[in-house]
């Protein structure tokens, strides 16, 4: 069908219907504006596809705390090495000396629960002549680890070990029985140091902390050691003077806060 009837257009002329023409113009402008807004929105959303939300700003502060205390327990190891040609005879000799040493430790106040056999071994002993190994005897060795709760008795223990024929001695290693209490105290100091740093950094940067984010901690101890492996020999000399020194327990913390 033709779009014209009797030679006239479907769309009215401006002079024929001014109101209809104005309405069409307004609708056209609206459609153009709406289309532009939707295009801009789609472009903006397209640019953000695959991007993470902007992370909130944070501050991470570190703190260190250290507590020093005197050790109140120690660990030593005493032992006997015996040599000979007959295994049974060496074992009997070695056991007799060790039993005498254990009895003396008990007399000095060491409980059975604080004495533990750390090693018992028997090894053949060879001599090498003209490139050949010849069995010459045997070695019997046994060691006991001793936990000393009264460290003032360490000198007496070393003296007894020498008198009774102990020829393998190592230690002492010092420690504190309730080290966790010292660690808690050092942790408190570390957190307080980190908090003070947070206040100063916030002031300098012009921000304020609004939320705790994360916390991490590391700790360690610096133990004094009188430690040396010594061969006292049968009938050893006088007991040494033992200095326990000081023990340091250190805690380091790292704390992160969200700021605004």
Protein backbone atom coordinates (compact mmCIF):
# COMPACT_ATOMS: atom_id res chain seq x y z
CA UNK A 1 0.00 0.00 0.00
CA UNK A 2 1.27 3.43 -0.76
CA UNK A 3 2.40 5.66 2.13
CA UNK A 4 0.53 8.50 0.53
CA UNK A 5 -3.24 9.03 0.14
CA UNK A 6 -4.66 11.55 -2.23
CA UNK A 7 -1.10 12.89 -2.68
CA UNK A 8 -0.64 13.79 1.07
CA UNK A 9 2.16 12.51 3.44
CA UNK A 10 1.35 10.50 6.59
CA UNK A 11 3.47 12.95 8.62
CA UNK A 12 1.74 16.25 9.08
CA UNK A 13 3.39 19.41 8.01
CA UNK A 14 4.54 21.93 10.65
CA UNK A 15 1.83 24.32 9.58
CA UNK A 16 -0.86 21.63 9.75
CA UNK A 17 -0.15 20.23 13.32
CA UNK A 18 2.48 22.08 15.31
CA UNK A 19 1.77 20.20 18.60
CA UNK A 20 2.32 16.77 17.03
CA UNK A 21 5.65 17.91 15.57
CA UNK A 22 6.85 19.27 18.96
CA UNK A 23 5.97 15.99 20.71
CA UNK A 24 7.93 13.99 18.13
CA UNK A 25 10.93 16.27 18.59
CA UNK A 26 10.87 15.87 22.41
CA UNK A 27 10.64 12.08 22.11
CA UNK A 28 13.58 12.07 19.69
CA UNK A 29 15.78 14.13 22.04
CA UNK A 30 14.87 11.88 25.00
CA UNK A 31 15.79 8.76 23.05
CA UNK A 32 19.15 10.25 22.07
CA UNK A 33 19.97 11.20 25.70
CA UNK A 34 18.87 7.79 27.01
CA UNK A 35 20.95 5.94 24.44
CA UNK A 36 24.03 8.01 25.34
CA UNK A 37 23.62 7.30 29.06
CA UNK A 38 23.29 3.56 28.47
CA UNK A 39 26.36 3.54 26.22
CA UNK A 40 28.45 5.34 28.87
CA UNK A 41 27.24 2.95 31.56
CA UNK A 42 28.07 -0.10 29.48
CA UNK A 43 31.53 1.26 28.71
CA UNK A 44 32.20 1.93 32.42
CA UNK A 45 31.01 -1.52 33.48
CA UNK A 46 32.99 -3.12 30.66
CA UNK A 47 36.15 -1.40 31.85
CA UNK A 48 35.64 -2.83 35.36
CA UNK A 49 35.07 -6.43 34.30
CA UNK A 50 37.69 -8.69 35.90
CA UNK A 51 39.02 -5.99 38.28
CA UNK A 52 39.04 -6.54 42.06
CA UNK A 53 37.35 -4.01 44.32
CA UNK A 54 39.72 -1.32 45.52
CA UNK A 55 41.48 -2.61 48.67
CA UNK A 56 41.11 -0.58 51.85
CA UNK A 57 44.33 1.19 52.93
CA UNK A 58 46.23 -0.51 55.78
CA UNK A 59 49.17 0.10 58.10
CA UNK A 60 51.40 -2.72 59.40
CA UNK A 61 53.41 -2.08 62.57
CA UNK A 62 56.03 -4.25 64.27
CA UNK A 63 56.92 -4.57 67.92
CA UNK A 64 59.61 -6.37 69.94
CA UNK A 65 59.55 -7.45 73.56
CA UNK A 66 62.33 -9.05 75.59
CA UNK A 67 62.35 -10.42 79.13
CA UNK A 68 65.52 -11.49 80.93
CA UNK A 69 65.51 -13.93 83.84
CA UNK A 70 67.81 -16.30 85.71
CA UNK A 71 67.58 -19.99 84.75
CA UNK A 72 66.17 -22.30 87.40
CA UNK A 73 66.73 -25.73 85.83
CA UNK A 74 69.58 -27.37 83.94
CA UNK A 75 70.28 -30.54 82.01
CA UNK A 76 73.58 -32.45 82.03
CA UNK A 77 74.70 -35.74 80.57
CA UNK A 78 77.15 -38.02 82.35
CA UNK A 79 78.52 -41.31 81.09
CA UNK A 80 81.18 -44.00 81.26
CA UNK A 81 83.31 -45.55 78.56
CA UNK A 82 85.01 -48.82 79.50
CA UNK A 83 87.44 -50.87 77.42
CA UNK A 84 88.71 -54.44 77.64
CA UNK A 85 88.99 -57.76 75.89
CA UNK A 86 86.02 -59.54 77.47
CA UNK A 87 82.59 -58.05 76.88
CA UNK A 88 80.98 -59.51 80.01
CA UNK A 89 83.75 -58.24 82.25
CA UNK A 90 83.60 -54.75 80.72
CA UNK A 91 79.82 -54.62 81.10
CA UNK A 92 80.06 -55.59 84.76
CA UNK A 93 82.73 -52.98 85.45
CA UNK A 94 80.84 -50.27 83.56
CA UNK A 95 77.53 -51.05 85.27
CA UNK A 96 79.13 -51.03 88.73
CA UNK A 97 80.57 -47.55 88.16
CA UNK A 98 77.30 -46.24 86.72
CA UNK A 99 75.25 -47.64 89.60
CA UNK A 100 77.60 -45.95 92.06
CA UNK A 101 77.23 -42.67 90.17
CA UNK A 102 73.42 -42.92 90.14
CA UNK A 103 73.40 -43.61 93.87
CA UNK A 104 75.50 -40.49 94.46
CA UNK A 105 73.13 -38.42 92.30
CA UNK A 106 70.21 -39.64 94.38
CA UNK A 107 72.10 -38.65 97.53
CA UNK A 108 72.51 -35.16 96.04
CA UNK A 109 68.73 -34.89 95.66
CA UNK A 110 68.18 -35.98 92.05
CA UNK A 111 64.92 -37.94 91.73
CA UNK A 112 64.75 -41.11 89.65
CA UNK A 113 62.16 -39.40 87.43
CA UNK A 114 64.83 -36.82 86.50
CA UNK A 115 67.41 -39.41 85.37
CA UNK A 116 67.04 -41.08 81.97
CA UNK A 117 69.35 -43.46 80.14
CA UNK A 118 70.31 -41.74 76.89
CA UNK A 119 72.60 -44.38 75.41
CA UNK A 120 73.98 -47.87 76.01
CA UNK A 121 76.30 -49.33 73.38
CA UNK A 122 78.91 -52.04 72.82
CA UNK A 123 81.45 -51.70 70.01
CA UNK A 124 84.34 -53.89 68.86
CA UNK A 125 87.76 -52.26 68.85
CA UNK A 126 90.23 -52.98 66.04
CA UNK A 127 93.92 -52.39 65.53
CA UNK A 128 95.18 -51.94 61.97
CA UNK A 129 98.51 -53.54 61.09
CA UNK A 130 99.91 -53.93 57.57
CA UNK A 131 96.55 -53.00 56.09
CA UNK A 132 94.70 -55.62 58.11
CA UNK A 133 92.20 -55.07 60.93
CA UNK A 134 92.67 -57.19 64.03
CA UNK A 135 90.12 -57.37 66.84
CA UNK A 136 91.80 -56.06 69.96
CA UNK A 137 88.92 -55.67 72.39
CA UNK A 138 85.60 -54.01 73.07
CA UNK A 139 84.17 -50.73 74.27
CA UNK A 140 81.09 -50.46 76.49
CA UNK A 141 79.50 -47.03 76.86
CA UNK A 142 76.43 -45.76 78.66
CA UNK A 143 75.17 -42.21 79.27
CA UNK A 144 72.48 -40.77 81.50
CA UNK A 145 70.70 -37.44 81.05
CA UNK A 146 70.10 -35.69 84.37
CA UNK A 147 67.58 -32.90 84.96
CA UNK A 148 68.83 -30.67 87.75
CA UNK A 149 66.13 -28.64 89.47
CA UNK A 150 68.52 -27.06 91.98
CA UNK A 151 71.27 -25.57 89.85
CA UNK A 152 73.35 -24.79 92.94
CA UNK A 153 74.16 -28.52 92.99
CA UNK A 154 75.74 -28.58 89.53
CA UNK A 155 79.27 -28.25 90.87
CA UNK A 156 78.68 -31.17 93.26
CA UNK A 157 77.32 -33.27 90.39
CA UNK A 158 80.37 -32.62 88.19
CA UNK A 159 82.65 -33.32 91.14
CA UNK A 160 80.93 -36.62 91.86
CA UNK A 161 81.13 -37.60 88.20
CA UNK A 162 84.90 -37.13 88.24
CA UNK A 163 85.44 -38.98 91.52
CA UNK A 164 83.36 -41.97 90.45
CA UNK A 165 85.04 -42.48 87.11
CA UNK A 166 82.64 -40.79 84.66
CA UNK A 167 84.76 -39.94 81.63
CA UNK A 168 82.01 -38.54 79.36
CA UNK A 169 80.30 -35.37 80.57
CA UNK A 170 78.45 -32.67 78.61
CA UNK A 171 76.43 -29.65 79.64
CA UNK A 172 74.87 -28.03 81.43
CA UNK A 173 72.10 -26.58 79.28
CA UNK A 174 70.15 -24.00 81.27
CA UNK A 175 66.46 -23.23 81.00
CA UNK A 176 63.45 -21.85 82.86
CA UNK A 177 60.75 -24.29 83.88
CA UNK A 178 57.84 -21.93 83.21
CA UNK A 179 59.18 -20.23 80.09
CA UNK A 180 55.66 -19.60 78.74
CA UNK A 181 55.01 -17.04 81.48
CA UNK A 182 58.08 -15.09 80.34
CA UNK A 183 56.95 -15.38 76.72
CA UNK A 184 53.53 -13.93 77.63
CA UNK A 185 55.23 -10.99 79.34
CA UNK A 186 57.47 -10.40 76.33
CA UNK A 187 54.43 -10.59 74.02
CA UNK A 188 52.69 -7.86 76.04
CA UNK A 189 55.74 -5.62 75.69
CA UNK A 190 55.87 -6.29 71.93
CA UNK A 191 52.19 -5.43 71.42
CA UNK A 192 52.57 -2.23 73.46
CA UNK A 193 55.54 -1.22 71.31
CA UNK A 194 53.56 -1.89 68.13
CA UNK A 195 50.59 0.12 69.45
CA UNK A 196 52.82 3.11 70.21
CA UNK A 197 54.23 2.94 66.69
CA UNK A 198 50.70 2.78 65.24
CA UNK A 199 49.70 5.96 67.10
CA UNK A 200 52.77 7.83 65.85
CA UNK A 201 52.41 6.68 62.23
CA UNK A 202 48.69 7.53 62.19
CA UNK A 203 49.46 11.03 63.43
CA UNK A 204 52.19 11.55 60.85
CA UNK A 205 50.08 10.23 57.97
CA UNK A 206 46.86 11.94 59.02
CA UNK A 207 44.84 8.73 59.20
CA UNK A 208 43.05 6.79 61.92
CA UNK A 209 42.88 3.02 62.48
CA UNK A 210 39.34 1.65 62.17
CA UNK A 211 39.68 -2.13 62.10
CA UNK A 212 42.15 -4.85 63.12
CA UNK A 213 43.15 -6.98 60.09
CA UNK A 214 45.87 -9.50 60.99
CA UNK A 215 48.43 -10.54 63.63
CA UNK A 216 51.59 -12.66 63.47
CA UNK A 217 54.17 -13.59 66.10
CA UNK A 218 57.61 -15.18 66.32
CA UNK A 219 59.59 -15.95 69.46
CA UNK A 220 62.84 -17.47 70.64
CA UNK A 221 65.11 -17.96 73.61
CA UNK A 222 68.81 -17.33 74.02
CA UNK A 223 70.04 -19.95 76.42
CA UNK A 224 73.37 -19.64 78.23
CA UNK A 225 75.56 -22.69 77.68
CA UNK A 226 78.39 -23.89 79.85
CA UNK A 227 78.62 -26.72 77.41
CA UNK A 228 81.64 -28.68 76.50
CA UNK A 229 82.21 -32.38 76.02
CA UNK A 230 84.96 -33.20 78.45
CA UNK A 231 86.93 -36.30 79.30
CA UNK A 232 87.38 -36.23 83.05
CA UNK A 233 89.20 -39.48 83.45
CA UNK A 234 89.12 -41.71 86.49
CA UNK A 235 89.76 -39.86 89.72
CA UNK A 236 89.18 -36.41 88.17
CA UNK A 237 90.13 -33.16 89.89
CA UNK A 238 88.08 -30.55 91.70
CA UNK A 239 84.55 -29.55 90.73
CA UNK A 240 84.22 -26.50 88.43
CA UNK A 241 82.40 -23.32 89.45
CA UNK A 242 79.21 -23.07 87.38
CA UNK A 243 77.83 -19.69 86.24
CA UNK A 244 74.21 -19.99 84.99
CA UNK A 245 74.12 -16.48 83.52
CA UNK A 246 70.85 -15.01 82.23
CA UNK A 247 68.20 -16.28 79.82
CA UNK A 248 66.54 -13.96 77.27
CA UNK A 249 63.05 -14.66 75.96
CA UNK A 250 62.16 -12.52 72.93
CA UNK A 251 58.88 -12.08 71.07
CA UNK A 252 58.35 -10.17 67.80
CA UNK A 253 54.86 -9.25 66.57
CA UNK A 254 53.48 -7.78 63.35
CA UNK A 255 49.98 -6.23 63.39
CA UNK A 256 48.01 -4.84 60.45
CA UNK A 257 45.15 -2.29 60.77
CA UNK A 258 42.76 -0.81 58.24
CA UNK A 259 42.93 2.98 58.26
CA UNK A 260 40.89 5.87 56.90
